[in-house]
Amino acid sequence: MSYDDLAIQDGNLASIEYLCMLDGDTAPEEREKINENLLEYCGIDTLGMVKIREELLKRG
């Protein structure tokens, strides 16, 4: 699993981009792109948590 091919590659940038998406001065097209990028980033995060849970259940 890697964030290397994503526009957002870490949590700090994800937080900044989220705030930009909420900013009324950000163009609608840019907000949509940020939303897509955040969904990709968060999807990898969520998948990572699922894999950790699965591994812990195997050991439990």
PDB file of N, CA and C in Angstrom:
ATOM      1  N   MET A   1       0.845  -1.173   0.000  1.00  0.00           N
ATOM      2  CA  MET A   1       0.000   0.000   0.000  1.00  0.00           C
ATOM      3  C   MET A   1       0.891   1.237   0.000  1.00  0.00           C
ATOM      4  N   SER A   2       0.522   2.198  -0.838  1.00  0.00           N
ATOM      5  CA  SER A   2       1.345   3.385  -0.956  1.00  0.00           C
ATOM      6  C   SER A   2       0.493   4.584  -1.366  1.00  0.00           C
ATOM      7  N   TYR A   3       0.946   5.728  -0.940  1.00  0.00           N
ATOM      8  CA  TYR A   3       0.315   6.985  -1.325  1.00  0.00           C
ATOM      9  C   TYR A   3       1.069   7.649  -2.485  1.00  0.00           C
ATOM     10  N   ASP A   4       2.107   7.003  -2.968  1.00  0.00           N
ATOM     11  CA  ASP A   4       3.022   7.620  -3.923  1.00  0.00           C
ATOM     12  C   ASP A   4       2.347   8.169  -5.174  1.00  0.00           C
ATOM     13  N   ASP A   5       1.316   7.529  -5.661  1.00  0.00           N
ATOM     14  CA  ASP A   5       0.661   7.967  -6.895  1.00  0.00           C
ATOM     15  C   ASP A   5      -0.502   8.928  -6.656  1.00  0.00           C
ATOM     16  N   LEU A   6      -0.703   9.328  -5.404  1.00  0.00           N
ATOM     17  CA  LEU A   6      -1.830  10.191  -5.076  1.00  0.00           C
ATOM     18  C   LEU A   6      -1.409  11.656  -5.007  1.00  0.00           C
ATOM     19  N   ALA A   7      -2.343  12.540  -5.247  1.00  0.00           N
ATOM     20  CA  ALA A   7      -2.083  13.976  -5.122  1.00  0.00           C
ATOM     21  C   ALA A   7      -1.876  14.363  -3.664  1.00  0.00           C
ATOM     22  N   ILE A   8      -2.577  13.693  -2.757  1.00  0.00           N
ATOM     23  CA  ILE A   8      -2.426  13.914  -1.313  1.00  0.00           C
ATOM     24  C   ILE A   8      -1.708  12.696  -0.756  1.00  0.00           C
ATOM     25  N   GLN A   9      -0.551  12.951  -0.112  1.00  0.00           N
ATOM     26  CA  GLN A   9       0.276  11.832   0.329  1.00  0.00           C
ATOM     27  C   GLN A   9       0.496  11.776   1.834  1.00  0.00           C
ATOM     28  N   ASP A  10      -0.087  12.713   2.581  1.00  0.00           N
ATOM     29  CA  ASP A  10       0.047  12.641   4.035  1.00  0.00           C
ATOM     30  C   ASP A  10      -1.101  13.392   4.711  1.00  0.00           C
ATOM     31  N   GLY A  11      -1.259  13.128   5.982  1.00  0.00           N
ATOM     32  CA  GLY A  11      -2.364  13.683   6.739  1.00  0.00           C
ATOM     33  C   GLY A  11      -2.329  15.195   6.874  1.00  0.00           C
ATOM     34  N   ASN A  12      -1.141  15.770   6.969  1.00  0.00           N
ATOM     35  CA  ASN A  12      -1.051  17.227   7.076  1.00  0.00           C
ATOM     36  C   ASN A  12      -1.604  17.900   5.826  1.00  0.00           C
ATOM     37  N   LEU A  13      -1.206  17.414   4.664  1.00  0.00           N
ATOM     38  CA  LEU A  13      -1.714  17.976   3.414  1.00  0.00           C
ATOM     39  C   LEU A  13      -3.210  17.722   3.279  1.00  0.00           C
ATOM     40  N   ALA A  14      -3.667  16.562   3.722  1.00  0.00           N
ATOM     41  CA  ALA A  14      -5.100  16.263   3.671  1.00  0.00           C
ATOM     42  C   ALA A  14      -5.885  17.292   4.483  1.00  0.00           C
ATOM     43  N   SER A  15      -5.384  17.657   5.649  1.00  0.00           N
ATOM     44  CA  SER A  15      -6.055  18.659   6.495  1.00  0.00           C
ATOM     45  C   SER A  15      -6.090  20.021   5.821  1.00  0.00           C
ATOM     46  N   ILE A  16      -4.986  20.411   5.226  1.00  0.00           N
ATOM     47  CA  ILE A  16      -4.915  21.702   4.536  1.00  0.00           C
ATOM     48  C   ILE A  16      -5.864  21.726   3.341  1.00  0.00           C
ATOM     49  N   GLU A  17      -5.849  20.658   2.573  1.00  0.00           N
ATOM     50  CA  GLU A  17      -6.715  20.578   1.398  1.00  0.00           C
ATOM     51  C   GLU A  17      -8.186  20.589   1.796  1.00  0.00           C
ATOM     52  N   TYR A  18      -8.502  19.940   2.896  1.00  0.00           N
ATOM     53  CA  TYR A  18      -9.879  19.941   3.384  1.00  0.00           C
ATOM     54  C   TYR A  18     -10.337  21.366   3.692  1.00  0.00           C
ATOM     55  N   LEU A  19      -9.475  22.120   4.357  1.00  0.00           N
ATOM     56  CA  LEU A  19      -9.818  23.506   4.668  1.00  0.00           C
ATOM     57  C   LEU A  19      -9.983  24.329   3.397  1.00  0.00           C
ATOM     58  N   CYS A  20      -9.128  24.095   2.403  1.00  0.00           N
ATOM     59  CA  CYS A  20      -9.257  24.789   1.118  1.00  0.00           C
ATOM     60  C   CYS A  20     -10.584  24.437   0.452  1.00  0.00           C
ATOM     61  N   MET A  21     -10.983  23.187   0.552  1.00  0.00           N
ATOM     62  CA  MET A  21     -12.236  22.759  -0.050  1.00  0.00           C
ATOM     63  C   MET A  21     -13.420  23.482   0.594  1.00  0.00           C
ATOM     64  N   LEU A  22     -13.334  23.754   1.890  1.00  0.00           N
ATOM     65  CA  LEU A  22     -14.414  24.430   2.601  1.00  0.00           C
ATOM     66  C   LEU A  22     -14.422  25.943   2.372  1.00  0.00           C
ATOM     67  N   ASP A  23     -13.295  26.481   1.934  1.00  0.00           N
ATOM     68  CA  ASP A  23     -13.162  27.922   1.723  1.00  0.00           C
ATOM     69  C   ASP A  23     -14.039  28.367   0.558  1.00  0.00           C
ATOM     70  N   GLY A  24     -14.893  29.338   0.811  1.00  0.00           N
ATOM     71  CA  GLY A  24     -15.792  29.848  -0.213  1.00  0.00           C
ATOM     72  C   GLY A  24     -15.091  30.514  -1.382  1.00  0.00           C
ATOM     73  N   ASP A  25     -13.822  30.897  -1.197  1.00  0.00           N
ATOM     74  CA  ASP A  25     -13.065  31.522  -2.276  1.00  0.00           C
ATOM     75  C   ASP A  25     -12.469  30.509  -3.251  1.00  0.00           C
ATOM     76  N   THR A  26     -12.491  29.245  -2.893  1.00  0.00           N
ATOM     77  CA  THR A  26     -11.968  28.203  -3.771  1.00  0.00           C
ATOM     78  C   THR A  26     -12.988  27.929  -4.874  1.00  0.00           C
ATOM     79  N   ALA A  27     -12.501  27.899  -6.108  1.00  0.00           N
ATOM     80  CA  ALA A  27     -13.380  27.677  -7.256  1.00  0.00           C
ATOM     81  C   ALA A  27     -14.066  26.318  -7.152  1.00  0.00           C
ATOM     82  N   PRO A  28     -15.308  26.229  -7.616  1.00  0.00           N
ATOM     83  CA  PRO A  28     -16.038  24.954  -7.552  1.00  0.00           C
ATOM     84  C   PRO A  28     -15.298  23.780  -8.205  1.00  0.00           C
ATOM     85  N   GLU A  29     -14.628  24.043  -9.312  1.00  0.00           N
ATOM     86  CA  GLU A  29     -13.882  22.970  -9.987  1.00  0.00           C
ATOM     87  C   GLU A  29     -12.734  22.466  -9.109  1.00  0.00           C
ATOM     88  N   GLU A  30     -12.071  23.398  -8.434  1.00  0.00           N
ATOM     89  CA  GLU A  30     -10.975  23.033  -7.542  1.00  0.00           C
ATOM     90  C   GLU A  30     -11.506  22.281  -6.324  1.00  0.00           C
ATOM     91  N   ARG A  31     -12.645  22.712  -5.802  1.00  0.00           N
ATOM     92  CA  ARG A  31     -13.245  21.994  -4.667  1.00  0.00           C
ATOM     93  C   ARG A  31     -13.573  20.558  -5.042  1.00  0.00           C
ATOM     94  N   GLU A  32     -14.099  20.359  -6.233  1.00  0.00           N
ATOM     95  CA  GLU A  32     -14.426  19.005  -6.698  1.00  0.00           C
ATOM     96  C   GLU A  32     -13.168  18.151  -6.821  1.00  0.00           C
ATOM     97  N   LYS A  33     -12.089  18.728  -7.347  1.00  0.00           N
ATOM     98  CA  LYS A  33     -10.834  17.985  -7.484  1.00  0.00           C
ATOM     99  C   LYS A  33     -10.266  17.630  -6.110  1.00  0.00           C
ATOM    100  N   ILE A  34     -10.311  18.573  -5.186  1.00  0.00           N
ATOM    101  CA  ILE A  34      -9.845  18.305  -3.819  1.00  0.00           C
ATOM    102  C   ILE A  34     -10.668  17.185  -3.203  1.00  0.00           C
ATOM    103  N   ASN A  35     -11.982  17.231  -3.393  1.00  0.00           N
ATOM    104  CA  ASN A  35     -12.856  16.190  -2.863  1.00  0.00           C
ATOM    105  C   ASN A  35     -12.445  14.819  -3.401  1.00  0.00           C
ATOM    106  N   GLU A  36     -12.215  14.732  -4.690  1.00  0.00           N
ATOM    107  CA  GLU A  36     -11.784  13.464  -5.301  1.00  0.00           C
ATOM    108  C   GLU A  36     -10.461  12.999  -4.706  1.00  0.00           C
ATOM    109  N   ASN A  37      -9.517  13.930  -4.560  1.00  0.00           N
ATOM    110  CA  ASN A  37      -8.208  13.581  -4.003  1.00  0.00           C
ATOM    111  C   ASN A  37      -8.322  13.113  -2.558  1.00  0.00           C
ATOM    112  N   LEU A  38      -9.174  13.765  -1.780  1.00  0.00           N
ATOM    113  CA  LEU A  38      -9.372  13.348  -0.391  1.00  0.00           C
ATOM    114  C   LEU A  38     -10.013  11.971  -0.303  1.00  0.00           C
ATOM    115  N   LEU A  39     -10.965  11.704  -1.181  1.00  0.00           N
ATOM    116  CA  LEU A  39     -11.590  10.377  -1.180  1.00  0.00           C
ATOM    117  C   LEU A  39     -10.575   9.285  -1.506  1.00  0.00           C
ATOM    118  N   GLU A  40      -9.682   9.544  -2.439  1.00  0.00           N
ATOM    119  CA  GLU A  40      -8.634   8.564  -2.759  1.00  0.00           C
ATOM    120  C   GLU A  40      -7.710   8.348  -1.563  1.00  0.00           C
ATOM    121  N   TYR A  41      -7.253   9.447  -0.963  1.00  0.00           N
ATOM    122  CA  TYR A  41      -6.351   9.365   0.184  1.00  0.00           C
ATOM    123  C   TYR A  41      -7.016   8.636   1.353  1.00  0.00           C
ATOM    124  N   CYS A  42      -8.226   9.028   1.686  1.00  0.00           N
ATOM    125  CA  CYS A  42      -8.932   8.414   2.812  1.00  0.00           C
ATOM    126  C   CYS A  42      -9.265   6.954   2.533  1.00  0.00           C
ATOM    127  N   GLY A  43      -9.469   6.624   1.270  1.00  0.00           N
ATOM    128  CA  GLY A  43      -9.715   5.228   0.909  1.00  0.00           C
ATOM    129  C   GLY A  43      -8.529   4.346   1.245  1.00  0.00           C
ATOM    130  N   ILE A  44      -7.324   4.839   0.948  1.00  0.00           N
ATOM    131  CA  ILE A  44      -6.110   4.079   1.288  1.00  0.00           C
ATOM    132  C   ILE A  44      -5.978   3.965   2.806  1.00  0.00           C
ATOM    133  N   ASP A  45      -6.228   5.051   3.520  1.00  0.00           N
ATOM    134  CA  ASP A  45      -6.184   5.017   4.992  1.00  0.00           C
ATOM    135  C   ASP A  45      -7.162   3.986   5.547  1.00  0.00           C
ATOM    136  N   THR A  46      -8.373   4.003   5.039  1.00  0.00           N
ATOM    137  CA  THR A  46      -9.399   3.076   5.515  1.00  0.00           C
ATOM    138  C   THR A  46      -9.015   1.637   5.218  1.00  0.00           C
ATOM    139  N   LEU A  47      -8.525   1.382   4.021  1.00  0.00           N
ATOM    140  CA  LEU A  47      -8.090   0.030   3.663  1.00  0.00           C
ATOM    141  C   LEU A  47      -6.977  -0.439   4.596  1.00  0.00           C
ATOM    142  N   GLY A  48      -6.072   0.463   4.928  1.00  0.00           N
ATOM    143  CA  GLY A  48      -4.995   0.116   5.862  1.00  0.00           C
ATOM    144  C   GLY A  48      -5.542  -0.292   7.219  1.00  0.00           C
ATOM    145  N   MET A  49      -6.530   0.428   7.706  1.00  0.00           N
ATOM    146  CA  MET A  49      -7.135   0.088   8.996  1.00  0.00           C
ATOM    147  C   MET A  49      -7.861  -1.257   8.928  1.00  0.00           C
ATOM    148  N   VAL A  50      -8.510  -1.531   7.820  1.00  0.00           N
ATOM    149  CA  VAL A  50      -9.188  -2.822   7.646  1.00  0.00           C
ATOM    150  C   VAL A  50      -8.167  -3.952   7.684  1.00  0.00           C
ATOM    151  N   LYS A  51      -7.041  -3.762   7.005  1.00  0.00           N
ATOM    152  CA  LYS A  51      -6.012  -4.806   6.987  1.00  0.00           C
ATOM    153  C   LYS A  51      -5.407  -5.030   8.379  1.00  0.00           C
ATOM    154  N   ILE A  52      -5.208  -3.946   9.112  1.00  0.00           N
ATOM    155  CA  ILE A  52      -4.704  -4.082  10.484  1.00  0.00           C
ATOM    156  C   ILE A  52      -5.705  -4.851  11.334  1.00  0.00           C
ATOM    157  N   ARG A  53      -6.975  -4.507  11.225  1.00  0.00           N
ATOM    158  CA  ARG A  53      -8.011  -5.208  11.981  1.00  0.00           C
ATOM    159  C   ARG A  53      -8.042  -6.682  11.639  1.00  0.00           C
ATOM    160  N   GLU A  54      -7.983  -7.006  10.350  1.00  0.00           N
ATOM    161  CA  GLU A  54      -7.996  -8.406   9.931  1.00  0.00           C
ATOM    162  C   GLU A  54      -6.819  -9.169  10.535  1.00  0.00           C
ATOM    163  N   GLU A  55      -5.650  -8.544  10.537  1.00  0.00           N
ATOM    164  CA  GLU A  55      -4.470  -9.194  11.099  1.00  0.00           C
ATOM    165  C   GLU A  55      -4.626  -9.404  12.605  1.00  0.00           C
ATOM    166  N   LEU A  56      -5.149  -8.410  13.288  1.00  0.00           N
ATOM    167  CA  LEU A  56      -5.356  -8.542  14.736  1.00  0.00           C
ATOM    168  C   LEU A  56      -6.376  -9.641  15.055  1.00  0.00           C
ATOM    169  N   LEU A  57      -7.421  -9.751  14.252  1.00  0.00           N
ATOM    170  CA  LEU A  57      -8.417 -10.793  14.478  1.00  0.00           C
ATOM    171  C   LEU A  57      -7.813 -12.190  14.282  1.00  0.00           C
ATOM    172  N   LYS A  58      -6.895 -12.318  13.348  1.00  0.00           N
ATOM    173  CA  LYS A  58      -6.231 -13.616  13.138  1.00  0.00           C
ATOM    174  C   LYS A  58      -5.430 -14.017  14.367  1.00  0.00           C
ATOM    175  N   ARG A  59      -4.861 -13.039  15.047  1.00  0.00           N
ATOM    176  CA  ARG A  59      -4.004 -13.311  16.201  1.00  0.00           C
ATOM    177  C   ARG A  59      -4.796 -13.460  17.491  1.00  0.00           C
ATOM    178  N   GLY A  60      -6.053 -12.978  17.484  1.00  0.00           N
ATOM    179  CA  GLY A  60      -6.828 -12.919  18.710  1.00  0.00           C
ATOM    180  C   GLY A  60      -7.513 -14.170  19.032  1.00  0.00           C
TER     181      GLY A  60
END
